Amino acid sequence: MKYYIIAGEASGDLHGSNLMKALQQKDPNAEFRFWGGDLMKAQGGTLVKHYRDLAFMGFLEVVMNLRTILNNIKFCKEDIQKNRPDVLILVDYPGFNLRIARFAKELGIKVVYYISPQLWAWKEGRVEIIKKYVDEMMVILPFEEDFYRKHGVHSHFVGHPLLDAISDLQEISIEKFKAEHGLNEKEIIALLPGSREQEVEKMLEIMLSVRPQFQNYQFVIAGAPSLPKEFYEKYVDANVHFVSNKTYDLLRCSKAALVTSGTATLETALLNIPEVVCYRGSKISYAIAKRLVKNINYISLVNLIMDKEVVKELIQNDLNTKNLVEELNKIISGEKRQQVLNDYHLLREKLGGKGASEHAADVILRYN
């Protein structure tokens, strides 16, 4: 079969690559054409556009880059029409992908959505678009299946693909990791500031402001594969280090982490590292988001899935040095740290076992 896959962010690149691997095992003659990143590229096929050219963060930033976004949509439609895949697979990235879903469906191409947009949080009206233009909706969070059932959309809970990625990891030696990356003997606090340039610049300064209170630790920045090493150099010194494209290894060698809200909060939890979730957007973007988001009490996937505060979320004005120091101290040792680790165990149980990529591949192959 000919597969056309669209993933517009780093997390989509990860999940898309695992899905491609599962599809190749079941369909050895699979042909891939895709929008994604280096992980998907490593699976073979044709990379049409890299996600680094697609990701715009926040309402204001989207408006400022509207011409680029519209040009990308136009190009994508032309590319799909020219190549005529058997199946179009959309990975999250709803603002872009739902427009492409309608176009492909009208061409008679089967449309599969893998990893649902967070319609349960905002823009619930988009369910009608999915109902009309998506043939199969595959969800990765347990409560999403009920959400779609309520709206009359048939969906499959296939499990969470992060469990696949994490279960395949080899054991790691902390001493060896430190030696390989020029780190000292101090315990590590990992900093995950995001994957987009503007996001990283906003987050790193506030994350690093806690350093004077944690001189017995070394801070290590998880570099995003979409950003060059040179971008991070201004933040690095004798006790602030940088590791590129080794986020899982870094986390597994860390005592605790400060993590920008997004998929990384769930990855950190599944790797069993206590964390503080951080988020600060532009004032305009945050004000708009606050008006639109409804019926949810949390921003991190960890807390949303568990429906309670497992990890502390510091948002906008609450994200300051004083609060970061206080919350980081709580998860480095003591009762709060143990409670977080206990809740992580329950989180993994709730998400089910590994096999999401294989289950999703089985659903897609029904169209063969």
Protein backbone atom coordinates (compact mmCIF):
# COMPACT_ATOMS: atom_id res chain seq x y z
CA MET A 1 0.00 0.00 0.00
CA LYS A 2 0.96 3.62 -0.50
CA TYR A 3 0.81 5.59 2.77
CA TYR A 4 0.85 9.37 3.09
CA ILE A 5 1.49 10.48 6.69
CA ILE A 6 1.36 14.01 8.13
CA ALA A 7 3.00 14.73 11.51
CA GLY A 8 3.67 18.39 12.28
CA GLU A 9 5.55 18.22 15.58
CA ALA A 10 8.37 16.37 17.36
CA SER A 11 5.97 14.08 19.24
CA GLY A 12 4.19 13.25 15.98
CA ASP A 13 7.53 12.36 14.42
CA LEU A 14 8.15 9.85 17.23
CA HIS A 15 4.71 8.24 17.02
CA GLY A 16 4.70 8.35 13.23
CA SER A 17 8.05 6.55 13.08
CA ASN A 18 6.84 3.75 15.35
CA LEU A 19 3.67 3.38 13.29
CA MET A 20 5.75 3.19 10.09
CA LYS A 21 7.88 0.45 11.67
CA ALA A 22 4.75 -1.55 12.59
CA LEU A 23 3.25 -1.08 9.12
CA GLN A 24 6.45 -2.29 7.43
CA GLN A 25 6.41 -5.46 9.53
CA LYS A 26 2.87 -6.23 8.39
CA ASP A 27 3.17 -4.80 4.85
CA PRO A 28 6.75 -5.39 3.58
CA ASN A 29 6.00 -3.57 0.29
CA ALA A 30 4.78 -0.42 2.06
CA GLU A 31 5.60 2.88 0.34
CA PHE A 32 5.75 5.99 2.53
CA ARG A 33 5.53 9.65 1.67
CA PHE A 34 5.36 11.90 4.72
CA TRP A 35 5.61 15.19 6.53
CA GLY A 36 7.58 14.62 9.75
CA GLY A 37 11.12 14.55 11.04
CA ASP A 38 14.35 12.63 11.36
CA LEU A 39 12.81 9.63 13.16
CA MET A 40 10.31 9.05 10.37
CA LYS A 41 13.02 9.63 7.76
CA ALA A 42 15.08 6.85 9.36
CA GLN A 43 12.24 4.40 8.56
CA GLY A 44 12.58 5.05 4.83
CA GLY A 45 10.35 6.64 2.23
CA THR A 46 10.16 10.26 1.08
CA LEU A 47 10.25 13.18 3.51
CA VAL A 48 8.19 15.95 1.88
CA LYS A 49 8.57 18.60 4.59
CA HIS A 50 10.28 18.66 7.99
CA TYR A 51 8.17 19.61 11.01
CA ARG A 52 10.66 22.35 11.93
CA ASP A 53 9.15 24.33 9.04
CA LEU A 54 5.59 23.77 10.23
CA ALA A 55 5.43 24.36 13.98
CA PHE A 56 4.06 27.70 15.15
CA MET A 57 3.22 28.12 18.83
CA GLY A 58 0.25 30.13 20.09
CA PHE A 59 -2.57 32.13 18.49
CA LEU A 60 -0.52 35.27 17.87
CA GLU A 61 2.31 33.34 16.24
CA VAL A 62 -0.14 31.51 13.95
CA VAL A 63 -1.62 34.83 12.78
CA MET A 64 1.85 36.25 12.12
CA ASN A 65 2.77 33.21 10.00
CA LEU A 66 -0.59 32.71 8.30
CA ARG A 67 0.75 33.12 4.76
CA THR A 68 3.34 30.38 5.30
CA ILE A 69 0.72 28.06 6.80
CA LEU A 70 -1.69 28.61 3.91
CA ASN A 71 1.09 27.98 1.39
CA ASN A 72 1.95 24.73 3.17
CA ILE A 73 -1.69 23.59 3.03
CA LYS A 74 -1.86 24.40 -0.69
CA PHE A 75 1.38 22.52 -1.39
CA CYS A 76 0.23 19.50 0.67
CA LYS A 77 -3.05 19.24 -1.25
CA GLU A 78 -1.20 19.38 -4.56
CA ASP A 79 1.27 16.72 -3.41
CA ILE A 80 -1.50 14.35 -2.29
CA GLN A 81 -3.41 14.82 -5.52
CA LYS A 82 -0.26 14.12 -7.54
CA ASN A 83 0.77 10.99 -5.59
CA ARG A 84 -2.68 9.50 -4.83
CA PRO A 85 -1.96 7.36 -1.72
CA ASP A 86 -4.16 4.43 -0.69
CA VAL A 87 -4.45 5.80 2.84
CA LEU A 88 -3.85 9.22 4.38
CA ILE A 89 -2.70 8.96 8.02
CA LEU A 90 -3.02 12.14 10.08
CA VAL A 91 -1.07 12.40 13.35
CA ASP A 92 -2.54 15.02 15.73
CA TYR A 93 -1.72 18.58 14.38
CA PRO A 94 -5.43 19.43 13.91
CA GLY A 95 -5.35 22.99 12.52
CA PHE A 96 -3.54 21.68 9.47
CA ASN A 97 -4.66 18.07 9.30
CA LEU A 98 -8.41 18.59 9.45
CA ARG A 99 -8.20 20.78 6.35
CA ILE A 100 -6.27 18.05 4.58
CA ALA A 101 -8.75 15.38 5.76
CA ARG A 102 -11.62 17.10 3.95
CA PHE A 103 -9.60 17.49 0.75
CA ALA A 104 -8.44 13.85 0.72
CA LYS A 105 -11.90 12.47 1.49
CA GLU A 106 -13.36 14.42 -1.43
CA LEU A 107 -10.71 12.79 -3.64
CA GLY A 108 -11.93 9.36 -2.49
CA ILE A 109 -8.82 8.63 -0.39
CA LYS A 110 -9.31 6.73 2.89
CA VAL A 111 -8.53 8.97 5.87
CA VAL A 112 -7.25 7.61 9.20
CA TYR A 113 -6.59 9.84 12.21
CA TYR A 114 -3.98 8.56 14.67
CA ILE A 115 -3.71 10.44 17.97
CA SER A 116 -6.77 12.58 18.42
CA PRO A 117 -6.72 16.37 18.58
CA GLN A 118 -7.63 17.51 22.09
CA LEU A 119 -11.20 18.34 21.14
CA TRP A 120 -12.37 17.43 24.64
CA ALA A 121 -10.53 20.56 25.84
CA TRP A 122 -11.52 23.06 23.17
CA LYS A 123 -13.04 23.38 19.69
CA GLU A 124 -15.45 20.52 20.38
CA GLY A 125 -17.32 21.51 17.24
CA ARG A 126 -14.52 19.99 15.19
CA VAL A 127 -15.99 16.58 16.03
CA GLU A 128 -18.46 17.17 13.19
CA ILE A 129 -15.57 17.56 10.75
CA ILE A 130 -14.09 14.26 11.96
CA LYS A 131 -17.48 12.59 11.69
CA LYS A 132 -17.77 13.71 8.07
CA TYR A 133 -14.24 13.32 6.70
CA VAL A 134 -12.37 10.72 8.81
CA ASP A 135 -12.91 6.99 8.21
CA GLU A 136 -11.12 5.73 11.32
CA MET A 137 -10.28 7.58 14.54
CA MET A 138 -7.62 5.89 16.69
CA VAL A 139 -7.21 7.35 20.19
CA ILE A 140 -4.43 6.91 22.73
CA LEU A 141 -6.04 8.18 25.94
CA PRO A 142 -8.67 6.03 27.69
CA PHE A 143 -11.24 8.80 28.18
CA GLU A 144 -11.14 9.84 24.49
CA GLU A 145 -13.06 6.75 23.39
CA ASP A 146 -16.00 7.78 25.61
CA PHE A 147 -15.77 11.36 24.31
CA TYR A 148 -16.14 10.24 20.68
CA ARG A 149 -18.84 7.70 21.51
CA LYS A 150 -20.84 10.52 23.09
CA HIS A 151 -20.64 12.36 19.75
CA GLY A 152 -21.56 9.33 17.66
CA VAL A 153 -18.06 8.81 16.26
CA HIS A 154 -16.70 5.27 16.19
CA SER A 155 -13.19 5.18 17.61
CA HIS A 156 -10.56 2.65 18.70
CA PHE A 157 -8.52 2.98 21.88
CA VAL A 158 -5.24 1.45 20.71
CA GLY A 159 -3.15 2.22 23.80
CA HIS A 160 -0.47 4.86 24.18
CA PRO A 161 2.49 4.67 21.76
CA LEU A 162 4.89 6.11 24.33
CA LEU A 163 4.68 2.79 26.15
CA ASP A 164 6.09 1.16 23.01
CA ALA A 165 8.96 3.61 22.72
CA ILE A 166 9.87 3.33 26.39
CA SER A 167 9.57 -0.45 26.66
CA ASP A 168 12.14 -0.84 23.87
CA LEU A 169 14.85 1.10 25.73
CA GLN A 170 18.04 -0.70 26.74
CA GLU A 171 19.35 -0.45 30.31
CA ILE A 172 21.57 2.56 30.92
CA SER A 173 24.57 3.24 33.15
CA ILE A 174 24.41 6.67 34.80
CA GLU A 175 28.20 6.75 35.25
CA LYS A 176 28.78 5.92 31.58
CA PHE A 177 26.23 8.52 30.44
CA LYS A 178 27.92 11.22 32.54
CA ALA A 179 31.34 10.29 31.20
CA GLU A 180 30.18 10.29 27.57
CA HIS A 181 28.69 13.77 27.88
CA GLY A 182 31.34 15.45 30.03
CA LEU A 183 29.15 15.65 33.13
CA ASN A 184 30.48 15.72 36.68
CA GLU A 185 29.58 13.44 39.60
CA LYS A 186 26.70 15.61 40.90
CA GLU A 187 23.11 14.37 40.54
CA ILE A 188 21.27 15.71 37.50
CA ILE A 189 18.25 17.97 37.24
CA ALA A 190 16.99 17.71 33.65
CA LEU A 191 15.58 20.74 31.85
CA LEU A 192 13.12 20.08 29.02
CA PRO A 193 12.29 23.54 27.64
CA GLY A 194 10.42 22.41 24.52
CA SER A 195 11.21 21.94 20.84
CA ARG A 196 10.46 25.32 19.26
CA GLU A 197 12.95 28.18 19.31
CA GLN A 198 10.59 30.79 20.77
CA GLU A 199 9.37 28.32 23.40
CA VAL A 200 12.89 27.34 24.48
CA GLU A 201 13.97 30.96 24.84
CA LYS A 202 10.99 31.73 27.07
CA MET A 203 11.42 28.69 29.29
CA LEU A 204 15.16 28.25 29.83
CA GLU A 205 15.77 31.57 31.52
CA ILE A 206 13.17 30.93 34.22
CA MET A 207 14.16 27.27 34.63
CA LEU A 208 17.82 28.20 35.16
CA SER A 209 16.91 30.88 37.72
CA VAL A 210 16.71 28.16 40.42
CA ARG A 211 20.43 27.32 40.18
CA PRO A 212 21.67 29.27 43.25
CA GLN A 213 19.41 27.14 45.49
CA PHE A 214 20.60 23.83 43.99
CA GLN A 215 24.37 24.10 43.89
CA ASN A 216 24.78 20.41 44.79
CA TYR A 217 23.17 19.45 41.45
CA GLN A 218 24.12 19.91 37.83
CA PHE A 219 21.56 21.09 35.29
CA VAL A 220 21.40 19.44 31.88
CA ILE A 221 19.36 20.86 29.00
CA ALA A 222 17.64 18.37 26.70
CA GLY A 223 18.32 19.73 23.23
CA ALA A 224 15.59 19.38 20.63
CA PRO A 225 16.63 17.62 17.39
CA SER A 226 15.03 20.46 15.41
CA LEU A 227 17.36 23.11 16.88
CA PRO A 228 21.14 23.42 16.26
CA LYS A 229 23.66 22.99 19.08
CA GLU A 230 24.81 26.60 18.60
CA PHE A 231 21.38 27.84 19.68
CA TYR A 232 21.96 26.51 23.21
CA GLU A 233 25.54 27.73 23.70
CA LYS A 234 24.55 30.99 25.41
CA TYR A 235 22.93 28.98 28.21
CA VAL A 236 25.82 26.56 28.84
CA ASP A 237 28.57 27.05 31.44
CA ALA A 238 30.56 25.04 33.99
CA ASN A 239 27.45 23.70 35.74
CA VAL A 240 24.85 23.90 32.97
CA HIS A 241 25.33 21.27 30.31
CA PHE A 242 23.63 20.38 27.06
CA VAL A 243 22.79 16.98 25.60
CA SER A 244 21.31 16.75 22.11
CA ASN A 245 18.80 14.15 20.94
CA LYS A 246 19.23 11.98 24.07
CA THR A 247 16.22 13.07 26.11
CA TYR A 248 15.16 9.61 27.29
CA ASP A 249 18.70 8.72 28.37
CA LEU A 250 19.06 12.06 30.13
CA LEU A 251 15.78 11.64 32.02
CA ARG A 252 16.65 8.11 33.13
CA CYS A 253 19.89 9.44 34.62
CA SER A 254 18.19 12.38 36.41
CA LYS A 255 16.93 12.93 39.95
CA ALA A 256 14.11 15.26 38.85
CA ALA A 257 13.06 17.41 35.89
CA LEU A 258 11.55 20.76 34.96
CA VAL A 259 9.40 20.14 31.90
CA THR A 260 7.55 22.44 29.51
CA SER A 261 3.92 21.38 29.13
CA GLY A 262 3.35 18.96 26.25
CA THR A 263 3.96 15.31 25.43
CA ALA A 264 7.26 15.51 27.35
CA THR A 265 5.35 15.65 30.66
CA LEU A 266 3.93 12.18 29.98
CA GLU A 267 7.26 10.84 28.72
CA THR A 268 8.94 12.01 31.92
CA ALA A 269 6.28 10.33 34.05
CA LEU A 270 6.47 7.03 32.17
CA LEU A 271 10.25 7.08 32.70
CA ASN A 272 9.50 7.45 36.42
CA ILE A 273 11.14 10.85 36.98
CA PRO A 274 9.39 13.31 39.34
CA GLU A 275 8.77 16.60 37.56
CA VAL A 276 7.42 20.12 37.76
CA VAL A 277 5.36 21.13 34.72
CA CYS A 278 6.06 24.62 33.38
CA TYR A 279 4.13 26.79 30.94
CA ARG A 280 4.30 30.44 29.95
CA GLY A 281 2.87 31.72 26.69
CA SER A 282 2.47 35.23 25.32
CA LYS A 283 -0.13 37.24 27.23
CA ILE A 284 -2.42 37.43 24.21
CA SER A 285 -2.17 33.73 23.37
CA TYR A 286 -2.76 32.72 26.98
CA ALA A 287 -5.75 35.04 27.37
CA ILE A 288 -7.36 33.60 24.24
CA ALA A 289 -6.61 30.01 25.28
CA LYS A 290 -8.12 30.58 28.72
CA ARG A 291 -11.38 31.70 27.13
CA LEU A 292 -11.53 28.78 24.71
CA VAL A 293 -10.42 25.88 26.89
CA LYS A 294 -13.27 24.38 28.88
CA ASN A 295 -14.15 21.47 31.12
CA ILE A 296 -10.55 20.71 32.09
CA ASN A 297 -8.72 21.46 35.29
CA TYR A 298 -5.16 20.65 34.18
CA ILE A 299 -2.79 21.22 31.27
CA SER A 300 -0.42 18.25 31.65
CA LEU A 301 -1.34 14.86 30.21
CA VAL A 302 -0.28 13.18 33.45
CA ASN A 303 -2.88 15.04 35.50
CA LEU A 304 -5.55 14.87 32.79
CA ILE A 305 -5.30 11.09 32.50
CA MET A 306 -5.29 10.59 36.27
CA ASP A 307 -7.96 13.29 36.79
CA LYS A 308 -6.07 14.70 39.77
CA GLU A 309 -2.91 16.68 40.50
CA VAL A 310 -0.10 14.15 40.34
CA VAL A 311 2.54 16.67 39.20
CA LYS A 312 2.60 20.37 40.04
CA GLU A 313 1.72 22.72 37.20
CA LEU A 314 3.18 26.23 37.27
CA ILE A 315 1.40 28.35 34.66
CA GLN A 316 1.98 31.95 33.52
CA ASN A 317 2.51 34.19 36.61
CA ASP A 318 2.80 31.16 38.91
CA LEU A 319 5.89 30.16 36.96
CA ASN A 320 8.49 32.07 38.93
CA THR A 321 11.75 31.32 40.73
CA LYS A 322 10.22 31.12 44.21
CA ASN A 323 7.58 28.55 43.21
CA LEU A 324 10.00 26.53 41.11
CA VAL A 325 12.46 26.25 44.01
CA GLU A 326 9.71 25.23 46.41
CA GLU A 327 8.23 22.56 44.13
CA LEU A 328 11.60 21.20 43.02
CA ASN A 329 12.65 20.72 46.63
CA LYS A 330 9.47 18.73 47.29
CA ILE A 331 10.15 16.19 44.53
CA ILE A 332 13.89 15.74 45.14
CA SER A 333 13.24 13.93 48.42
CA GLY A 334 10.55 13.20 50.98
CA GLU A 335 6.87 12.33 51.06
CA LYS A 336 5.83 14.26 47.93
CA ARG A 337 8.45 12.47 45.81
CA GLN A 338 7.21 9.05 46.92
CA GLN A 339 3.58 10.02 46.29
CA VAL A 340 4.45 11.09 42.73
CA LEU A 341 6.22 7.79 42.08
CA ASN A 342 3.25 5.82 43.46
CA ASP A 343 0.88 7.74 41.17
CA TYR A 344 3.14 7.09 38.18
CA HIS A 345 2.65 3.36 38.74
CA LEU A 346 -1.13 3.80 38.59
CA LEU A 347 -0.76 5.97 35.48
CA ARG A 348 1.04 3.19 33.61
CA GLU A 349 -1.69 0.72 34.59
CA LYS A 350 -4.37 3.07 33.32
CA LEU A 351 -2.69 3.43 29.91
CA GLY A 352 -2.56 -0.33 29.40
CA GLY A 353 0.32 -2.31 27.96
CA LYS A 354 2.52 -1.83 24.95
CA GLY A 355 1.38 -2.49 21.39
CA ALA A 356 -0.32 0.77 20.32
CA SER A 357 1.62 0.99 17.06
CA GLU A 358 0.78 -2.62 16.14
CA HIS A 359 -2.90 -2.15 17.01
CA ALA A 360 -3.04 1.02 14.91
CA ALA A 361 -1.32 -0.73 12.00
CA ASP A 362 -3.94 -3.51 12.11
CA VAL A 363 -6.76 -0.95 11.83
CA ILE A 364 -5.07 0.77 8.87
CA LEU A 365 -4.40 -2.49 7.03
CA ARG A 366 -8.11 -3.22 6.86
CA TYR A 367 -8.10 -0.91 3.84
CA ASN A 368 -5.72 -3.16 1.93
